[in-house]
Amino acid sequence: MFAGVSLRDKIGGELRAGAALSYLTSGSVDADPTPLTPGPGNSFAYTVGDDWSVAGTLSYAINW
């Protein structure tokens, strides 16, 4: 989800603001990339949980 706004003033300036919100779901990986040659360092696994991601921006510019 995201939103933004832009406002202009009488002296030629412009104010811009934006925001974004994202929900990231959990996941996991358990892999053996080369099953024919087993050994140390030849497999990997990781798991990540649910989380939120937030971003925002604010800027002001004057056009000459």
C-alpha atoms as a PDB file:
ATOM      1  CA  MET A   1       0.000   0.000   0.000  1.00  0.00           C
ATOM      2  CA  PHE A   2       1.353   3.444  -0.824  1.00  0.00           C
ATOM      3  CA  ALA A   3       0.188   7.057  -0.856  1.00  0.00           C
ATOM      4  CA  GLY A   4       1.591  10.389  -1.935  1.00  0.00           C
ATOM      5  CA  VAL A   5       0.715  14.057  -2.116  1.00  0.00           C
ATOM      6  CA  SER A   6       2.122  17.105  -3.910  1.00  0.00           C
ATOM      7  CA  LEU A   7       1.350  20.731  -2.962  1.00  0.00           C
ATOM      8  CA  ARG A   8       2.443  23.903  -4.784  1.00  0.00           C
ATOM      9  CA  ASP A   9       2.776  27.324  -3.185  1.00  0.00           C
ATOM     10  CA  LYS A  10       2.590  30.854  -4.623  1.00  0.00           C
ATOM     11  CA  ILE A  11       6.382  31.413  -4.794  1.00  0.00           C
ATOM     12  CA  GLY A  12       7.015  28.470  -7.134  1.00  0.00           C
ATOM     13  CA  GLY A  13       7.821  25.853  -4.523  1.00  0.00           C
ATOM     14  CA  GLU A  14       6.490  22.327  -4.378  1.00  0.00           C
ATOM     15  CA  LEU A  15       6.185  20.084  -1.323  1.00  0.00           C
ATOM     16  CA  ARG A  16       6.045  16.335  -1.990  1.00  0.00           C
ATOM     17  CA  ALA A  17       5.379  13.611   0.568  1.00  0.00           C
ATOM     18  CA  GLY A  18       4.972   9.880   0.180  1.00  0.00           C
ATOM     19  CA  ALA A  19       4.674   6.756   2.316  1.00  0.00           C
ATOM     20  CA  ALA A  20       4.563   3.010   1.746  1.00  0.00           C
ATOM     21  CA  LEU A  21       3.634   0.070   3.966  1.00  0.00           C
ATOM     22  CA  SER A  22       4.224  -3.601   3.193  1.00  0.00           C
ATOM     23  CA  TYR A  23       3.631  -6.854   5.096  1.00  0.00           C
ATOM     24  CA  LEU A  24       6.215  -9.585   4.486  1.00  0.00           C
ATOM     25  CA  THR A  25       5.172 -13.177   5.208  1.00  0.00           C
ATOM     26  CA  SER A  26       7.373 -15.908   6.634  1.00  0.00           C
ATOM     27  CA  GLY A  27       9.309 -18.493   4.631  1.00  0.00           C
ATOM     28  CA  SER A  28      12.026 -21.110   4.911  1.00  0.00           C
ATOM     29  CA  VAL A  29      14.549 -22.889   2.694  1.00  0.00           C
ATOM     30  CA  ASP A  30      16.320 -26.179   3.292  1.00  0.00           C
ATOM     31  CA  ALA A  31      18.476 -27.088   0.306  1.00  0.00           C
ATOM     32  CA  ASP A  32      21.281 -29.352  -0.791  1.00  0.00           C
ATOM     33  CA  PRO A  33      22.472 -27.748  -4.051  1.00  0.00           C
ATOM     34  CA  THR A  34      24.699 -30.675  -5.085  1.00  0.00           C
ATOM     35  CA  PRO A  35      23.226 -33.933  -3.715  1.00  0.00           C
ATOM     36  CA  LEU A  36      25.725 -36.113  -5.625  1.00  0.00           C
ATOM     37  CA  THR A  37      28.740 -34.683  -3.742  1.00  0.00           C
ATOM     38  CA  PRO A  38      27.829 -34.502  -0.056  1.00  0.00           C
ATOM     39  CA  GLY A  39      30.168 -32.832   2.417  1.00  0.00           C
ATOM     40  CA  PRO A  40      30.600 -29.963   4.835  1.00  0.00           C
ATOM     41  CA  GLY A  41      29.389 -26.649   3.499  1.00  0.00           C
ATOM     42  CA  ASN A  42      27.326 -28.305   0.788  1.00  0.00           C
ATOM     43  CA  SER A  43      23.892 -27.632   2.264  1.00  0.00           C
ATOM     44  CA  PHE A  44      22.176 -24.628   3.740  1.00  0.00           C
ATOM     45  CA  ALA A  45      18.951 -23.699   5.515  1.00  0.00           C
ATOM     46  CA  TYR A  46      17.339 -20.496   6.711  1.00  0.00           C
ATOM     47  CA  THR A  47      14.010 -19.280   8.043  1.00  0.00           C
ATOM     48  CA  VAL A  48      12.559 -15.780   8.183  1.00  0.00           C
ATOM     49  CA  GLY A  49       9.513 -14.628  10.128  1.00  0.00           C
ATOM     50  CA  ASP A  50       6.659 -12.247   9.392  1.00  0.00           C
ATOM     51  CA  ASP A  51       7.472  -8.553   9.481  1.00  0.00           C
ATOM     52  CA  TRP A  52       6.393  -5.110   8.361  1.00  0.00           C
ATOM     53  CA  SER A  53       8.261  -2.793   6.013  1.00  0.00           C
ATOM     54  CA  VAL A  54       7.782   1.003   6.106  1.00  0.00           C
ATOM     55  CA  ALA A  55       9.215   3.717   3.836  1.00  0.00           C
ATOM     56  CA  GLY A  56       8.674   7.453   3.617  1.00  0.00           C
ATOM     57  CA  THR A  57       9.907  10.530   1.821  1.00  0.00           C
ATOM     58  CA  LEU A  58       9.508  14.297   2.134  1.00  0.00           C
ATOM     59  CA  SER A  59      10.957  16.926  -0.194  1.00  0.00           C
ATOM     60  CA  TYR A  60      10.589  20.612  -0.996  1.00  0.00           C
ATOM     61  CA  ALA A  61      11.837  22.211  -4.198  1.00  0.00           C
ATOM     62  CA  ILE A  62      11.791  25.778  -5.537  1.00  0.00           C
ATOM     63  CA  ASN A  63      11.769  26.151  -9.325  1.00  0.00           C
ATOM     64  CA  TRP A  64      13.647  29.165 -10.657  1.00  0.00           C
END
